[in-house]
N, C-alpha and C. Protein backbone atom coordinates (compact mmCIF):
# COMPACT_ATOMS: atom_id res chain seq x y z
N MET A 1 7.83 0.68 -8.74
CA MET A 1 7.04 1.85 -8.44
C MET A 1 7.62 2.50 -7.19
N CYS A 2 7.69 3.81 -7.17
CA CYS A 2 8.25 4.49 -6.01
C CYS A 2 7.33 5.61 -5.54
N VAL A 3 7.53 6.02 -4.30
CA VAL A 3 6.81 7.15 -3.72
C VAL A 3 7.85 8.10 -3.16
N ASN A 4 7.78 9.37 -3.53
CA ASN A 4 8.77 10.37 -3.09
C ASN A 4 10.19 9.90 -3.39
N ASN A 5 10.39 9.30 -4.55
CA ASN A 5 11.68 8.81 -5.02
C ASN A 5 12.27 7.70 -4.15
N ALA A 6 11.45 6.99 -3.41
CA ALA A 6 11.93 5.92 -2.54
C ALA A 6 11.43 4.56 -3.02
N VAL A 7 12.38 3.60 -3.15
CA VAL A 7 12.07 2.22 -3.46
C VAL A 7 12.91 1.37 -2.52
N PRO A 8 12.35 0.55 -1.67
CA PRO A 8 10.92 0.41 -1.45
C PRO A 8 10.36 1.62 -0.70
N ILE A 9 9.05 1.70 -0.65
CA ILE A 9 8.40 2.79 0.05
C ILE A 9 8.64 2.58 1.55
N PRO A 10 9.12 3.60 2.27
CA PRO A 10 9.40 3.41 3.69
C PRO A 10 8.14 3.12 4.50
N PRO A 11 8.26 2.31 5.55
CA PRO A 11 7.10 2.04 6.41
C PRO A 11 6.57 3.33 7.04
N VAL A 12 5.28 3.33 7.33
CA VAL A 12 4.64 4.47 7.98
C VAL A 12 4.38 4.09 9.44
N HIS A 13 4.90 4.88 10.37
CA HIS A 13 4.72 4.65 11.79
C HIS A 13 3.95 5.82 12.40
N VAL A 14 2.90 5.53 13.13
CA VAL A 14 2.15 6.54 13.87
C VAL A 14 1.85 5.98 15.26
N THR A 15 1.40 6.85 16.15
CA THR A 15 0.98 6.43 17.48
C THR A 15 -0.53 6.53 17.55
N GLN A 16 -1.14 5.57 18.22
CA GLN A 16 -2.59 5.55 18.38
C GLN A 16 -3.09 6.93 18.79
N GLY A 17 -4.11 7.40 18.08
CA GLY A 17 -4.66 8.72 18.33
C GLY A 17 -4.18 9.76 17.34
N ASP A 18 -3.09 9.46 16.61
CA ASP A 18 -2.61 10.38 15.58
C ASP A 18 -3.60 10.41 14.42
N VAL A 19 -3.58 11.50 13.69
CA VAL A 19 -4.33 11.60 12.45
C VAL A 19 -3.30 11.63 11.32
N LEU A 20 -3.32 10.61 10.49
CA LEU A 20 -2.40 10.52 9.37
C LEU A 20 -2.99 11.26 8.17
N VAL A 21 -2.22 12.18 7.62
CA VAL A 21 -2.65 12.93 6.45
C VAL A 21 -1.75 12.52 5.29
N LEU A 22 -2.33 11.87 4.28
CA LEU A 22 -1.59 11.45 3.09
C LEU A 22 -1.96 12.38 1.94
N ASN A 23 -1.02 13.21 1.53
CA ASN A 23 -1.22 14.07 0.36
C ASN A 23 -0.70 13.32 -0.85
N VAL A 24 -1.60 12.91 -1.72
CA VAL A 24 -1.23 12.07 -2.86
C VAL A 24 -1.32 12.89 -4.14
N ARG A 25 -0.23 12.91 -4.89
CA ARG A 25 -0.21 13.50 -6.23
C ARG A 25 0.01 12.35 -7.19
N ASN A 26 -0.92 12.15 -8.11
CA ASN A 26 -0.81 11.04 -9.06
C ASN A 26 0.04 11.45 -10.25
N SER A 27 1.26 10.93 -10.31
CA SER A 27 2.16 11.17 -11.44
C SER A 27 2.19 9.98 -12.39
N LEU A 28 1.29 9.03 -12.21
CA LEU A 28 1.21 7.87 -13.09
C LEU A 28 0.42 8.22 -14.34
N ASP A 29 0.42 7.31 -15.31
CA ASP A 29 -0.35 7.54 -16.53
C ASP A 29 -1.74 6.91 -16.47
N VAL A 30 -2.13 6.44 -15.28
CA VAL A 30 -3.46 5.85 -15.06
C VAL A 30 -3.96 6.35 -13.71
N PRO A 31 -5.27 6.24 -13.45
CA PRO A 31 -5.76 6.63 -12.12
C PRO A 31 -5.14 5.78 -11.02
N THR A 32 -5.13 6.32 -9.81
CA THR A 32 -4.62 5.58 -8.66
C THR A 32 -5.54 5.80 -7.47
N ALA A 33 -5.38 4.99 -6.46
CA ALA A 33 -6.08 5.14 -5.19
C ALA A 33 -5.20 4.51 -4.12
N VAL A 34 -5.31 4.99 -2.89
CA VAL A 34 -4.48 4.49 -1.80
C VAL A 34 -5.39 3.93 -0.72
N HIS A 35 -5.16 2.67 -0.37
CA HIS A 35 -6.00 1.97 0.60
C HIS A 35 -5.16 1.62 1.83
N ALA A 36 -5.63 2.05 3.01
CA ALA A 36 -4.98 1.67 4.27
C ALA A 36 -5.68 0.40 4.74
N HIS A 37 -5.06 -0.72 4.48
CA HIS A 37 -5.66 -2.03 4.71
C HIS A 37 -5.84 -2.30 6.20
N GLY A 38 -7.07 -2.53 6.60
CA GLY A 38 -7.37 -2.85 7.99
C GLY A 38 -7.93 -1.69 8.79
N ILE A 39 -7.94 -0.49 8.22
CA ILE A 39 -8.44 0.69 8.93
C ILE A 39 -9.97 0.67 8.94
N TYR A 40 -10.55 0.97 10.09
CA TYR A 40 -12.00 1.13 10.19
C TYR A 40 -12.36 2.53 9.72
N HIS A 41 -13.13 2.63 8.69
CA HIS A 41 -13.54 3.94 8.17
C HIS A 41 -14.99 4.21 8.57
N ASN A 42 -15.21 4.31 9.86
CA ASN A 42 -16.56 4.61 10.34
C ASN A 42 -16.91 6.05 10.00
N TYR A 43 -17.87 6.20 9.10
CA TYR A 43 -18.35 7.51 8.63
C TYR A 43 -17.33 8.24 7.76
N THR A 44 -16.27 7.57 7.35
CA THR A 44 -15.28 8.19 6.46
C THR A 44 -14.92 7.24 5.32
N ASP A 45 -15.91 6.49 4.84
CA ASP A 45 -15.60 5.51 3.79
C ASP A 45 -15.09 6.16 2.51
N TYR A 46 -15.29 7.46 2.35
CA TYR A 46 -14.77 8.17 1.18
C TYR A 46 -13.24 8.25 1.22
N TYR A 47 -12.61 7.89 2.35
CA TYR A 47 -11.15 7.83 2.44
C TYR A 47 -10.64 6.39 2.36
N ASP A 48 -11.50 5.45 2.04
CA ASP A 48 -11.11 4.04 2.04
C ASP A 48 -10.12 3.68 0.93
N GLY A 49 -10.14 4.40 -0.17
CA GLY A 49 -9.16 4.17 -1.22
C GLY A 49 -9.41 2.98 -2.11
N ALA A 50 -10.62 2.45 -2.10
CA ALA A 50 -10.93 1.31 -2.99
C ALA A 50 -11.50 1.86 -4.29
N GLU A 51 -10.65 1.92 -5.32
CA GLU A 51 -11.07 2.50 -6.60
C GLU A 51 -12.29 1.77 -7.15
N MET A 52 -13.25 2.53 -7.60
CA MET A 52 -14.50 2.07 -8.20
C MET A 52 -15.40 1.35 -7.20
N VAL A 53 -15.09 1.47 -5.89
CA VAL A 53 -15.96 0.96 -4.83
C VAL A 53 -16.39 2.13 -3.97
N THR A 54 -15.43 2.82 -3.36
CA THR A 54 -15.75 3.99 -2.53
C THR A 54 -15.28 5.29 -3.15
N GLU A 55 -14.56 5.22 -4.25
CA GLU A 55 -14.11 6.42 -4.95
C GLU A 55 -13.79 6.09 -6.40
N CYS A 56 -13.67 7.11 -7.20
CA CYS A 56 -13.38 6.90 -8.63
C CYS A 56 -11.89 6.78 -8.90
N GLY A 57 -11.06 7.07 -7.94
CA GLY A 57 -9.62 7.07 -8.18
C GLY A 57 -9.14 8.48 -8.46
N ILE A 58 -7.86 8.68 -8.28
CA ILE A 58 -7.26 10.00 -8.49
C ILE A 58 -6.78 10.05 -9.94
N PRO A 59 -7.31 10.95 -10.75
CA PRO A 59 -6.88 11.02 -12.15
C PRO A 59 -5.41 11.42 -12.29
N GLN A 60 -4.85 11.10 -13.43
CA GLN A 60 -3.47 11.46 -13.73
C GLN A 60 -3.27 12.96 -13.55
N GLY A 61 -2.20 13.32 -12.84
CA GLY A 61 -1.87 14.73 -12.63
C GLY A 61 -2.67 15.44 -11.55
N GLU A 62 -3.57 14.72 -10.89
CA GLU A 62 -4.41 15.35 -9.86
C GLU A 62 -3.94 14.96 -8.46
N ASN A 63 -4.48 15.66 -7.46
CA ASN A 63 -4.14 15.44 -6.05
C ASN A 63 -5.37 15.01 -5.27
N PHE A 64 -5.12 14.30 -4.18
CA PHE A 64 -6.18 13.96 -3.24
C PHE A 64 -5.53 13.79 -1.87
N THR A 65 -6.21 14.23 -0.83
CA THR A 65 -5.70 14.10 0.53
C THR A 65 -6.56 13.11 1.29
N TYR A 66 -5.92 12.04 1.78
CA TYR A 66 -6.58 11.06 2.62
C TYR A 66 -6.32 11.45 4.08
N ILE A 67 -7.35 11.38 4.91
CA ILE A 67 -7.21 11.66 6.33
C ILE A 67 -7.62 10.39 7.08
N ILE A 68 -6.68 9.83 7.85
CA ILE A 68 -6.90 8.56 8.54
C ILE A 68 -6.75 8.77 10.04
N ASP A 69 -7.84 8.62 10.76
CA ASP A 69 -7.86 8.76 12.22
C ASP A 69 -7.53 7.41 12.85
N THR A 70 -6.53 7.39 13.71
CA THR A 70 -6.12 6.13 14.33
C THR A 70 -6.54 6.03 15.81
N THR A 71 -7.51 6.84 16.20
CA THR A 71 -7.93 6.87 17.61
C THR A 71 -8.30 5.50 18.15
N ASN A 72 -9.05 4.73 17.41
CA ASN A 72 -9.57 3.45 17.91
C ASN A 72 -8.86 2.24 17.33
N GLN A 73 -7.62 2.40 16.87
CA GLN A 73 -6.93 1.28 16.25
C GLN A 73 -5.47 1.22 16.66
N VAL A 74 -4.94 0.01 16.71
CA VAL A 74 -3.52 -0.24 16.88
C VAL A 74 -3.18 -1.47 16.05
N GLY A 75 -1.91 -1.65 15.77
CA GLY A 75 -1.52 -2.88 15.10
C GLY A 75 -0.65 -2.68 13.88
N ASP A 76 -0.32 -3.81 13.27
CA ASP A 76 0.51 -3.84 12.07
C ASP A 76 -0.40 -4.00 10.87
N LEU A 77 -0.52 -2.97 10.09
CA LEU A 77 -1.38 -2.96 8.91
C LEU A 77 -0.51 -2.68 7.69
N TRP A 78 -1.12 -2.31 6.59
CA TRP A 78 -0.34 -1.91 5.43
C TRP A 78 -1.13 -0.95 4.56
N ILE A 79 -0.39 -0.16 3.81
CA ILE A 79 -0.97 0.79 2.87
C ILE A 79 -0.56 0.32 1.47
N HIS A 80 -1.51 0.35 0.54
CA HIS A 80 -1.16 -0.10 -0.81
C HIS A 80 -2.02 0.59 -1.86
N GLY A 81 -1.50 0.57 -3.09
CA GLY A 81 -2.27 1.06 -4.23
C GLY A 81 -3.45 0.14 -4.47
N HIS A 82 -4.57 0.74 -4.81
CA HIS A 82 -5.79 -0.06 -4.98
C HIS A 82 -6.38 0.18 -6.37
N ALA A 83 -5.51 0.32 -7.35
CA ALA A 83 -5.96 0.53 -8.73
C ALA A 83 -5.01 -0.20 -9.68
N HIS A 84 -5.59 -0.76 -10.72
CA HIS A 84 -4.80 -1.46 -11.75
C HIS A 84 -3.92 -2.51 -11.07
N SER A 85 -2.67 -2.61 -11.48
CA SER A 85 -1.76 -3.59 -10.88
C SER A 85 -0.72 -2.91 -9.99
N GLN A 86 -1.07 -1.76 -9.45
CA GLN A 86 -0.10 -0.97 -8.68
C GLN A 86 0.40 -1.68 -7.43
N LEU A 87 -0.46 -2.42 -6.76
CA LEU A 87 -0.03 -3.20 -5.60
C LEU A 87 1.05 -4.19 -6.01
N THR A 88 0.80 -4.93 -7.07
CA THR A 88 1.74 -5.94 -7.56
C THR A 88 3.04 -5.31 -8.04
N ASP A 89 2.96 -4.08 -8.56
CA ASP A 89 4.15 -3.40 -9.07
C ASP A 89 4.94 -2.67 -7.99
N GLY A 90 4.57 -2.86 -6.71
CA GLY A 90 5.38 -2.33 -5.62
C GLY A 90 4.79 -1.19 -4.82
N PHE A 91 3.55 -0.78 -5.13
CA PHE A 91 2.92 0.32 -4.40
C PHE A 91 2.31 -0.24 -3.12
N ARG A 92 3.19 -0.47 -2.11
CA ARG A 92 2.74 -1.03 -0.84
C ARG A 92 3.82 -0.77 0.21
N THR A 93 3.36 -0.65 1.45
CA THR A 93 4.30 -0.46 2.55
C THR A 93 3.62 -0.80 3.87
N PRO A 94 4.39 -1.23 4.87
CA PRO A 94 3.80 -1.45 6.19
C PRO A 94 3.26 -0.15 6.79
N PHE A 95 2.20 -0.28 7.56
CA PHE A 95 1.57 0.85 8.27
C PHE A 95 1.39 0.40 9.72
N ILE A 96 2.21 0.93 10.60
CA ILE A 96 2.25 0.48 11.98
C ILE A 96 1.62 1.55 12.87
N ILE A 97 0.59 1.15 13.63
CA ILE A 97 -0.02 2.05 14.61
C ILE A 97 0.40 1.54 15.98
N HIS A 98 1.31 2.29 16.62
CA HIS A 98 1.83 1.90 17.93
C HIS A 98 0.84 2.28 19.03
N GLU A 99 0.73 1.43 20.03
CA GLU A 99 -0.14 1.73 21.16
C GLU A 99 0.40 2.93 21.93
N LYS A 100 -0.50 3.77 22.39
CA LYS A 100 -0.10 4.94 23.17
C LYS A 100 0.57 4.51 24.47
N ILE A 101 0.00 3.52 25.13
CA ILE A 101 0.57 2.98 26.36
C ILE A 101 0.96 1.54 26.07
N LYS A 102 2.24 1.25 26.16
CA LYS A 102 2.71 -0.11 25.86
C LYS A 102 2.24 -1.08 26.95
N PRO A 103 1.67 -2.22 26.55
CA PRO A 103 1.14 -3.17 27.52
C PRO A 103 2.22 -3.96 28.26
N SER A 104 3.43 -3.99 27.72
CA SER A 104 4.52 -4.71 28.36
C SER A 104 5.85 -4.11 27.92
N THR A 105 6.91 -4.53 28.55
CA THR A 105 8.23 -4.04 28.16
C THR A 105 8.99 -5.14 27.44
N TYR A 106 9.86 -4.74 26.57
CA TYR A 106 10.67 -5.67 25.81
C TYR A 106 11.90 -4.93 25.32
N ASP A 107 12.91 -5.67 24.89
CA ASP A 107 14.17 -5.06 24.50
C ASP A 107 14.07 -4.23 23.23
N GLU A 108 13.46 -4.78 22.21
CA GLU A 108 13.33 -4.04 20.96
C GLU A 108 12.25 -4.66 20.08
N GLU A 109 11.86 -3.90 19.10
CA GLU A 109 10.84 -4.36 18.15
C GLU A 109 11.45 -4.31 16.77
N LYS A 110 11.26 -5.35 15.99
CA LYS A 110 11.79 -5.42 14.62
C LYS A 110 10.64 -5.60 13.64
N LEU A 111 10.71 -4.90 12.54
CA LEU A 111 9.74 -5.03 11.47
C LEU A 111 10.39 -5.85 10.36
N LEU A 112 9.74 -6.93 9.98
CA LEU A 112 10.25 -7.80 8.93
C LEU A 112 9.13 -8.00 7.92
N TYR A 113 9.36 -7.58 6.69
CA TYR A 113 8.35 -7.78 5.66
C TYR A 113 8.97 -8.31 4.38
N PHE A 114 8.20 -9.12 3.70
CA PHE A 114 8.65 -9.80 2.48
C PHE A 114 7.84 -9.29 1.30
N GLU A 115 8.50 -9.16 0.16
CA GLU A 115 7.82 -8.71 -1.06
C GLU A 115 8.28 -9.54 -2.25
N ASP A 116 7.33 -9.83 -3.13
CA ASP A 116 7.72 -10.41 -4.42
C ASP A 116 8.43 -9.32 -5.21
N TRP A 117 9.33 -9.72 -6.09
CA TRP A 117 10.06 -8.74 -6.89
C TRP A 117 10.26 -9.28 -8.29
N ASN A 118 10.03 -8.43 -9.27
CA ASN A 118 10.31 -8.79 -10.65
C ASN A 118 10.77 -7.56 -11.38
N GLU A 119 11.63 -7.74 -12.34
CA GLU A 119 12.14 -6.61 -13.10
C GLU A 119 11.14 -6.10 -14.12
N ARG A 120 10.05 -6.83 -14.33
CA ARG A 120 9.02 -6.43 -15.29
C ARG A 120 7.75 -5.98 -14.56
N ALA A 121 7.00 -5.11 -15.20
CA ALA A 121 5.70 -4.69 -14.67
C ALA A 121 4.72 -5.87 -14.77
N PHE A 122 3.75 -5.86 -13.88
CA PHE A 122 2.76 -6.94 -13.83
C PHE A 122 2.08 -7.14 -15.19
N LYS A 123 1.66 -6.06 -15.84
CA LYS A 123 0.95 -6.19 -17.12
C LYS A 123 1.83 -6.86 -18.17
N ASP A 124 3.14 -6.61 -18.14
CA ASP A 124 4.06 -7.26 -19.08
C ASP A 124 4.21 -8.74 -18.77
N MET A 125 4.24 -9.07 -17.48
CA MET A 125 4.34 -10.48 -17.09
C MET A 125 3.10 -11.26 -17.51
N VAL A 126 1.93 -10.66 -17.36
CA VAL A 126 0.69 -11.32 -17.78
C VAL A 126 0.72 -11.58 -19.28
N ALA A 127 1.17 -10.60 -20.05
CA ALA A 127 1.24 -10.76 -21.50
C ALA A 127 2.21 -11.87 -21.90
N ILE A 128 3.34 -11.95 -21.22
CA ILE A 128 4.33 -13.00 -21.51
C ILE A 128 3.74 -14.37 -21.17
N ASP A 129 3.12 -14.48 -19.99
CA ASP A 129 2.52 -15.76 -19.59
C ASP A 129 1.43 -16.19 -20.57
N ALA A 130 0.62 -15.23 -21.04
CA ALA A 130 -0.45 -15.55 -21.99
C ALA A 130 0.15 -16.04 -23.31
N LYS A 131 1.20 -15.37 -23.76
CA LYS A 131 1.84 -15.76 -25.01
C LYS A 131 2.43 -17.17 -24.92
N LEU A 132 2.99 -17.50 -23.75
CA LEU A 132 3.58 -18.82 -23.56
C LEU A 132 2.55 -19.86 -23.11
N LYS A 133 1.30 -19.41 -22.93
CA LYS A 133 0.20 -20.27 -22.49
C LYS A 133 0.51 -20.94 -21.14
N LEU A 134 1.08 -20.14 -20.24
CA LEU A 134 1.35 -20.63 -18.89
C LEU A 134 0.08 -20.52 -18.05
N ALA A 135 -0.09 -21.44 -17.14
CA ALA A 135 -1.30 -21.48 -16.32
C ALA A 135 -1.20 -20.60 -15.09
N ASP A 136 -0.01 -20.13 -14.74
CA ASP A 136 0.15 -19.34 -13.52
C ASP A 136 -0.63 -18.03 -13.60
N PHE A 137 -1.47 -17.80 -12.62
CA PHE A 137 -2.08 -16.49 -12.47
C PHE A 137 -2.36 -16.26 -11.01
N PRO A 138 -1.85 -15.23 -10.41
CA PRO A 138 -1.02 -14.24 -11.10
C PRO A 138 0.32 -14.84 -11.50
N PRO A 139 1.04 -14.15 -12.37
CA PRO A 139 2.34 -14.68 -12.80
C PRO A 139 3.24 -14.95 -11.60
N SER A 140 4.05 -15.98 -11.71
CA SER A 140 4.94 -16.31 -10.60
C SER A 140 6.17 -15.40 -10.61
N TYR A 141 6.60 -15.05 -9.42
CA TYR A 141 7.81 -14.25 -9.25
C TYR A 141 8.94 -15.18 -8.87
N ARG A 142 10.11 -14.88 -9.35
CA ARG A 142 11.25 -15.76 -9.09
C ARG A 142 12.18 -15.20 -8.03
N THR A 143 11.92 -13.99 -7.56
CA THR A 143 12.78 -13.38 -6.56
C THR A 143 11.93 -12.72 -5.48
N MET A 144 12.56 -12.45 -4.35
CA MET A 144 11.86 -11.87 -3.21
C MET A 144 12.75 -10.86 -2.53
N LEU A 145 12.16 -9.83 -1.96
CA LEU A 145 12.87 -8.85 -1.15
C LEU A 145 12.48 -9.05 0.31
N ILE A 146 13.46 -8.90 1.19
CA ILE A 146 13.19 -8.91 2.63
C ILE A 146 13.54 -7.52 3.14
N ASN A 147 12.54 -6.83 3.70
CA ASN A 147 12.68 -5.44 4.14
C ASN A 147 13.26 -4.54 3.04
N GLY A 148 12.80 -4.77 1.82
CA GLY A 148 13.18 -3.94 0.70
C GLY A 148 14.55 -4.22 0.21
């Protein structure tokens, strides 16, 4: 799965106090939703991105704009698809909120993230595992990506 023709999806970096605006156009054949994992949605739960919990999801061919205020948050979080098996199929990326004032000095900062990888879509892997009567759930991945 890709976003803006990018695989893997590039990390999102903002500075504390920024307002992140995600303009999402759903080009998939199923509804989608985007969840910023770890964000406090005080009075903005309609931007939480949890399909069938705080929203119905973005229908195929439709747009939705998420607005995420980072005023009261810092840290290493992540953004991911929150519908169907989109997270498992690669709809995920780091979401880093940098502190406005750094608490200490250091030489450099490195982002290291690991992802499961499979050449098949999650739904196809589930069907194969069911046919073979394998007990693994979710299906096991045999390969991994480091920083994409």
